[in-house]
Amino acid sequence: MEQARVTKHHCYRCRPHEEVQGAFPGTGEGPELESIATTFAEGGDEVFFTSGYSAREIAQKRAHDSGSVVFVNNVSRNIKRRELSVPVGYAVAHTPVYTLLPADEHHGTVYRAYWPPL
């Protein structure tokens, strides 16, 4: 008798990304999913990313100075700035930050995986 493997949905918060209409992997167009190029603030504002040593302190100072919120990257270690090999740890923005991820066993289409606030 074989046991069926049960996997648990682990997203902090997620939802389908309706705006995607064939402009991602498989079509040869658009940026790579699960990357810094597909990480956005929900309100369209600019996102400040920080990583490495003292990243949390830098993000908290930036958020304090700009009246923004710090969000923690618990989505993917593949989200990296071009000039660094270290994954982005924090993002600072006025509205929630999310990364576009490809469909998987829990999500039928490309979806938004939101970063939790600090």
N, C-alpha and C. Protein backbone atom coordinates (compact mmCIF):
# COMPACT_ATOMS: atom_id res chain seq x y z
N MET A 1 0.83 -1.17 0.00
CA MET A 1 0.00 0.00 0.00
C MET A 1 0.88 1.24 0.00
N GLU A 2 0.70 2.10 -0.98
CA GLU A 2 1.48 3.32 -1.07
C GLU A 2 0.78 4.46 -0.35
N GLN A 3 1.60 5.30 0.27
CA GLN A 3 1.04 6.46 0.94
C GLN A 3 1.12 7.66 0.01
N ALA A 4 0.05 8.39 -0.08
CA ALA A 4 0.04 9.61 -0.89
C ALA A 4 0.76 10.70 -0.10
N ARG A 5 1.65 11.40 -0.78
CA ARG A 5 2.39 12.48 -0.14
C ARG A 5 1.50 13.71 -0.05
N VAL A 6 1.31 14.19 1.16
CA VAL A 6 0.48 15.36 1.39
C VAL A 6 1.40 16.56 1.61
N THR A 7 1.23 17.58 0.80
CA THR A 7 2.03 18.78 0.97
C THR A 7 1.13 19.89 1.50
N LYS A 8 1.72 20.74 2.28
CA LYS A 8 0.98 21.82 2.92
C LYS A 8 1.25 23.14 2.20
N HIS A 9 0.23 23.93 2.05
CA HIS A 9 0.35 25.25 1.44
C HIS A 9 1.01 26.18 2.44
N HIS A 10 2.17 26.78 2.07
CA HIS A 10 2.96 27.55 3.02
C HIS A 10 3.00 29.05 2.77
N CYS A 11 2.23 29.56 1.85
CA CYS A 11 2.28 31.00 1.56
C CYS A 11 1.81 31.83 2.75
N TYR A 12 2.52 32.92 3.03
CA TYR A 12 2.05 33.89 4.02
C TYR A 12 0.72 34.47 3.54
N ARG A 13 0.72 34.91 2.29
CA ARG A 13 -0.48 35.42 1.61
C ARG A 13 -0.21 35.32 0.12
N CYS A 14 -1.18 34.87 -0.66
CA CYS A 14 -0.98 34.75 -2.09
C CYS A 14 -2.30 34.93 -2.81
N ARG A 15 -2.19 35.22 -4.10
CA ARG A 15 -3.38 35.30 -4.94
C ARG A 15 -2.95 35.23 -6.40
N PRO A 16 -3.84 34.81 -7.29
CA PRO A 16 -3.49 34.73 -8.71
C PRO A 16 -3.13 36.11 -9.26
N HIS A 17 -2.23 36.13 -10.20
CA HIS A 17 -1.83 37.39 -10.85
C HIS A 17 -2.53 37.44 -12.20
N GLU A 18 -3.69 38.07 -12.23
CA GLU A 18 -4.54 38.09 -13.42
C GLU A 18 -3.93 38.80 -14.61
N GLU A 19 -3.06 39.78 -14.37
CA GLU A 19 -2.53 40.59 -15.47
C GLU A 19 -1.60 39.84 -16.41
N VAL A 20 -1.11 38.68 -16.00
CA VAL A 20 -0.17 37.93 -16.83
C VAL A 20 -0.93 37.25 -17.97
N GLN A 21 -0.56 37.57 -19.19
CA GLN A 21 -1.22 36.99 -20.36
C GLN A 21 -0.16 36.46 -21.32
N GLY A 22 0.57 35.43 -20.93
CA GLY A 22 1.56 34.82 -21.81
C GLY A 22 2.83 35.61 -21.99
N ALA A 23 3.15 36.48 -21.05
CA ALA A 23 4.34 37.30 -21.20
C ALA A 23 5.47 36.84 -20.29
N PHE A 24 5.51 35.56 -19.97
CA PHE A 24 6.54 35.06 -19.10
C PHE A 24 7.13 33.76 -19.63
N PRO A 25 7.99 33.08 -18.90
CA PRO A 25 8.69 31.91 -19.41
C PRO A 25 7.81 30.98 -20.25
N GLY A 26 8.42 30.49 -21.30
CA GLY A 26 7.69 29.64 -22.24
C GLY A 26 7.28 30.43 -23.47
N THR A 27 7.24 31.76 -23.35
CA THR A 27 6.85 32.59 -24.48
C THR A 27 8.04 33.37 -25.03
N GLY A 28 9.14 33.37 -24.27
CA GLY A 28 10.32 34.12 -24.71
C GLY A 28 10.23 35.60 -24.42
N GLU A 29 9.20 36.02 -23.71
CA GLU A 29 9.02 37.43 -23.39
C GLU A 29 8.97 37.64 -21.89
N GLY A 30 9.31 38.84 -21.46
CA GLY A 30 9.17 39.20 -20.06
C GLY A 30 10.31 38.72 -19.19
N PRO A 31 10.38 39.25 -17.97
CA PRO A 31 11.45 38.88 -17.04
C PRO A 31 11.21 37.49 -16.44
N GLU A 32 12.25 36.96 -15.86
CA GLU A 32 12.18 35.64 -15.23
C GLU A 32 11.35 35.73 -13.94
N LEU A 33 10.43 34.79 -13.78
CA LEU A 33 9.65 34.74 -12.55
C LEU A 33 10.57 34.40 -11.39
N GLU A 34 10.11 34.71 -10.17
CA GLU A 34 10.86 34.44 -8.95
C GLU A 34 12.23 35.13 -8.98
N SER A 35 12.21 36.41 -9.31
CA SER A 35 13.44 37.20 -9.36
C SER A 35 13.15 38.62 -8.87
N ILE A 36 14.18 39.41 -8.75
CA ILE A 36 14.00 40.80 -8.31
C ILE A 36 13.25 41.59 -9.39
N ALA A 37 13.36 41.16 -10.65
CA ALA A 37 12.67 41.85 -11.74
C ALA A 37 11.16 41.63 -11.69
N THR A 38 10.71 40.62 -10.97
CA THR A 38 9.28 40.36 -10.85
C THR A 38 8.82 40.51 -9.40
N THR A 39 9.47 41.42 -8.68
CA THR A 39 9.08 41.76 -7.31
C THR A 39 8.64 43.21 -7.31
N PHE A 40 7.41 43.45 -6.85
CA PHE A 40 6.80 44.77 -6.95
C PHE A 40 6.09 45.16 -5.65
N ALA A 41 5.76 46.44 -5.55
CA ALA A 41 4.88 46.92 -4.48
C ALA A 41 3.48 46.98 -5.07
N GLU A 42 2.51 46.58 -4.28
CA GLU A 42 1.13 46.51 -4.77
C GLU A 42 0.62 47.86 -5.28
N GLY A 43 1.03 48.94 -4.68
CA GLY A 43 0.57 50.26 -5.09
C GLY A 43 1.35 50.85 -6.25
N GLY A 44 2.34 50.12 -6.76
CA GLY A 44 3.13 50.61 -7.88
C GLY A 44 4.28 51.51 -7.47
N ASP A 45 4.45 51.75 -6.17
CA ASP A 45 5.54 52.61 -5.73
C ASP A 45 6.88 51.88 -5.83
N GLU A 46 7.95 52.65 -5.72
CA GLU A 46 9.29 52.10 -5.82
C GLU A 46 9.59 51.26 -4.59
N VAL A 47 10.32 50.15 -4.79
CA VAL A 47 10.70 49.27 -3.70
C VAL A 47 12.20 49.41 -3.48
N PHE A 48 12.60 49.58 -2.22
CA PHE A 48 14.01 49.63 -1.84
C PHE A 48 14.39 48.26 -1.30
N PHE A 49 15.37 47.61 -1.91
CA PHE A 49 15.81 46.28 -1.49
C PHE A 49 17.12 46.36 -0.75
N THR A 50 17.29 45.52 0.26
CA THR A 50 18.56 45.48 0.98
C THR A 50 18.89 44.03 1.33
N SER A 51 20.19 43.74 1.35
CA SER A 51 20.64 42.38 1.65
C SER A 51 21.99 42.44 2.33
N GLY A 52 22.40 41.32 2.88
CA GLY A 52 23.71 41.22 3.48
C GLY A 52 23.79 41.75 4.89
N TYR A 53 25.00 42.07 5.29
CA TYR A 53 25.29 42.53 6.64
C TYR A 53 24.52 43.81 6.97
N SER A 54 23.90 43.86 8.11
CA SER A 54 23.13 45.02 8.59
C SER A 54 21.92 45.35 7.72
N ALA A 55 21.45 44.42 6.92
CA ALA A 55 20.31 44.67 6.03
C ALA A 55 19.07 45.09 6.80
N ARG A 56 18.81 44.43 7.91
CA ARG A 56 17.60 44.74 8.68
C ARG A 56 17.66 46.17 9.22
N GLU A 57 18.81 46.55 9.77
CA GLU A 57 18.96 47.90 10.32
C GLU A 57 18.83 48.96 9.22
N ILE A 58 19.42 48.68 8.07
CA ILE A 58 19.34 49.62 6.94
C ILE A 58 17.88 49.77 6.50
N ALA A 59 17.17 48.66 6.39
CA ALA A 59 15.76 48.69 5.98
C ALA A 59 14.91 49.45 7.00
N GLN A 60 15.15 49.21 8.29
CA GLN A 60 14.37 49.89 9.32
C GLN A 60 14.62 51.39 9.31
N LYS A 61 15.85 51.81 9.10
CA LYS A 61 16.16 53.24 9.03
C LYS A 61 15.49 53.87 7.81
N ARG A 62 15.58 53.21 6.67
CA ARG A 62 14.95 53.71 5.44
C ARG A 62 13.43 53.83 5.62
N ALA A 63 12.82 52.83 6.24
CA ALA A 63 11.38 52.85 6.47
C ALA A 63 11.01 53.98 7.42
N HIS A 64 11.77 54.18 8.45
CA HIS A 64 11.50 55.25 9.41
C HIS A 64 11.60 56.61 8.73
N ASP A 65 12.64 56.80 7.93
CA ASP A 65 12.87 58.08 7.25
C ASP A 65 11.82 58.38 6.18
N SER A 66 11.29 57.34 5.55
CA SER A 66 10.35 57.56 4.44
C SER A 66 8.89 57.28 4.82
N GLY A 67 8.65 56.85 6.03
CA GLY A 67 7.29 56.54 6.45
C GLY A 67 6.75 55.29 5.78
N SER A 68 7.63 54.37 5.46
CA SER A 68 7.26 53.13 4.77
C SER A 68 7.23 51.96 5.74
N VAL A 69 7.06 50.76 5.19
CA VAL A 69 7.03 49.52 5.96
C VAL A 69 8.14 48.60 5.47
N VAL A 70 8.73 47.84 6.39
CA VAL A 70 9.75 46.85 6.03
C VAL A 70 9.04 45.51 5.82
N PHE A 71 9.38 44.84 4.71
CA PHE A 71 8.84 43.52 4.41
C PHE A 71 9.98 42.52 4.34
N VAL A 72 9.75 41.31 4.84
CA VAL A 72 10.77 40.27 4.94
C VAL A 72 10.62 39.28 3.79
N ASN A 73 11.73 38.96 3.14
CA ASN A 73 11.72 37.99 2.06
C ASN A 73 11.71 36.57 2.63
N ASN A 74 10.53 35.99 2.72
CA ASN A 74 10.43 34.58 3.07
C ASN A 74 9.92 33.80 1.87
N VAL A 75 9.96 34.43 0.70
CA VAL A 75 9.42 33.86 -0.54
C VAL A 75 10.45 33.01 -1.27
N SER A 76 11.65 33.54 -1.51
CA SER A 76 12.63 32.81 -2.31
C SER A 76 14.05 33.33 -2.12
N ARG A 77 14.99 32.41 -2.09
CA ARG A 77 16.41 32.79 -2.03
C ARG A 77 16.93 33.15 -3.43
N ASN A 78 16.12 32.99 -4.46
CA ASN A 78 16.52 33.33 -5.83
C ASN A 78 16.39 34.82 -6.11
N ILE A 79 15.82 35.58 -5.19
CA ILE A 79 15.64 37.01 -5.40
C ILE A 79 16.93 37.70 -4.98
N LYS A 80 17.73 38.09 -5.98
CA LYS A 80 19.04 38.68 -5.74
C LYS A 80 19.21 39.93 -6.59
N ARG A 81 19.97 40.89 -6.06
CA ARG A 81 20.34 42.06 -6.87
C ARG A 81 21.46 41.63 -7.81
N ARG A 82 21.48 42.24 -8.98
CA ARG A 82 22.46 41.84 -10.01
C ARG A 82 23.89 41.89 -9.54
N GLU A 83 24.23 42.92 -8.78
CA GLU A 83 25.62 43.13 -8.38
C GLU A 83 26.03 42.29 -7.17
N LEU A 84 25.10 41.59 -6.55
CA LEU A 84 25.39 40.79 -5.36
C LEU A 84 24.97 39.33 -5.56
N SER A 85 25.67 38.45 -4.89
CA SER A 85 25.29 37.03 -4.94
C SER A 85 24.46 36.63 -3.73
N VAL A 86 24.27 37.55 -2.79
CA VAL A 86 23.50 37.29 -1.58
C VAL A 86 22.02 37.57 -1.85
N PRO A 87 21.13 36.71 -1.39
CA PRO A 87 19.69 36.95 -1.60
C PRO A 87 19.22 38.23 -0.90
N VAL A 88 18.24 38.87 -1.47
CA VAL A 88 17.64 40.05 -0.85
C VAL A 88 16.90 39.58 0.39
N GLY A 89 17.12 40.28 1.50
CA GLY A 89 16.49 39.89 2.76
C GLY A 89 15.28 40.73 3.12
N TYR A 90 15.31 42.01 2.71
CA TYR A 90 14.26 42.94 3.11
C TYR A 90 13.92 43.88 1.96
N ALA A 91 12.68 44.35 1.99
CA ALA A 91 12.22 45.35 1.03
C ALA A 91 11.50 46.43 1.82
N VAL A 92 11.61 47.67 1.36
CA VAL A 92 10.93 48.79 2.00
C VAL A 92 10.03 49.44 0.95
N ALA A 93 8.74 49.58 1.31
CA ALA A 93 7.77 50.19 0.40
C ALA A 93 6.58 50.70 1.21
N HIS A 94 5.76 51.54 0.59
CA HIS A 94 4.56 52.06 1.25
C HIS A 94 3.41 51.07 1.23
N THR A 95 3.38 50.18 0.24
CA THR A 95 2.30 49.19 0.10
C THR A 95 2.91 47.78 0.10
N PRO A 96 2.11 46.74 0.30
CA PRO A 96 2.64 45.37 0.36
C PRO A 96 3.49 45.00 -0.86
N VAL A 97 4.54 44.21 -0.59
CA VAL A 97 5.47 43.76 -1.61
C VAL A 97 5.17 42.30 -1.95
N TYR A 98 5.22 41.98 -3.25
CA TYR A 98 4.98 40.61 -3.69
C TYR A 98 5.95 40.24 -4.81
N THR A 99 6.13 38.95 -4.99
CA THR A 99 6.95 38.41 -6.07
C THR A 99 6.08 37.49 -6.90
N LEU A 100 6.21 37.57 -8.22
CA LEU A 100 5.48 36.67 -9.11
C LEU A 100 6.19 35.33 -9.18
N LEU A 101 5.44 34.26 -8.93
CA LEU A 101 5.99 32.92 -8.96
C LEU A 101 5.22 32.06 -9.96
N PRO A 102 5.88 31.04 -10.51
CA PRO A 102 5.20 30.17 -11.49
C PRO A 102 4.18 29.26 -10.81
N ALA A 103 3.27 28.74 -11.59
CA ALA A 103 2.27 27.81 -11.08
C ALA A 103 2.95 26.61 -10.43
N ASP A 104 2.32 26.06 -9.42
CA ASP A 104 2.83 24.87 -8.75
C ASP A 104 1.65 24.01 -8.31
N GLU A 105 1.89 23.06 -7.44
CA GLU A 105 0.82 22.14 -7.05
C GLU A 105 -0.32 22.81 -6.27
N HIS A 106 -0.06 23.98 -5.68
CA HIS A 106 -1.09 24.69 -4.92
C HIS A 106 -1.69 25.87 -5.68
N HIS A 107 -1.05 26.27 -6.76
CA HIS A 107 -1.49 27.44 -7.54
C HIS A 107 -1.56 27.05 -9.00
N GLY A 108 -2.70 27.25 -9.61
CA GLY A 108 -2.92 26.83 -11.00
C GLY A 108 -2.30 27.73 -12.05
N THR A 109 -2.01 28.98 -11.70
CA THR A 109 -1.43 29.94 -12.64
C THR A 109 -0.33 30.72 -11.94
N VAL A 110 0.29 31.64 -12.70
CA VAL A 110 1.27 32.54 -12.10
C VAL A 110 0.57 33.26 -10.95
N TYR A 111 1.26 33.39 -9.82
CA TYR A 111 0.62 33.99 -8.66
C TYR A 111 1.53 34.97 -7.94
N ARG A 112 0.92 35.80 -7.12
CA ARG A 112 1.62 36.77 -6.30
C ARG A 112 1.86 36.16 -4.92
N ALA A 113 3.11 36.05 -4.52
CA ALA A 113 3.45 35.59 -3.18
C ALA A 113 3.89 36.84 -2.40
N TYR A 114 3.12 37.21 -1.41
CA TYR A 114 3.39 38.43 -0.65
C TYR A 114 4.42 38.21 0.44
N TRP A 115 5.24 39.24 0.66
CA TRP A 115 6.24 39.23 1.71
C TRP A 115 5.58 39.71 3.00
N PRO A 116 5.79 39.05 4.12
CA PRO A 116 5.18 39.52 5.38
C PRO A 116 5.89 40.76 5.89
N PRO A 117 5.16 41.64 6.60
CA PRO A 117 5.81 42.81 7.20
C PRO A 117 6.69 42.37 8.37
N LEU A 118 7.69 43.15 8.65
CA LEU A 118 8.61 42.88 9.76
C LEU A 118 7.92 43.09 11.08
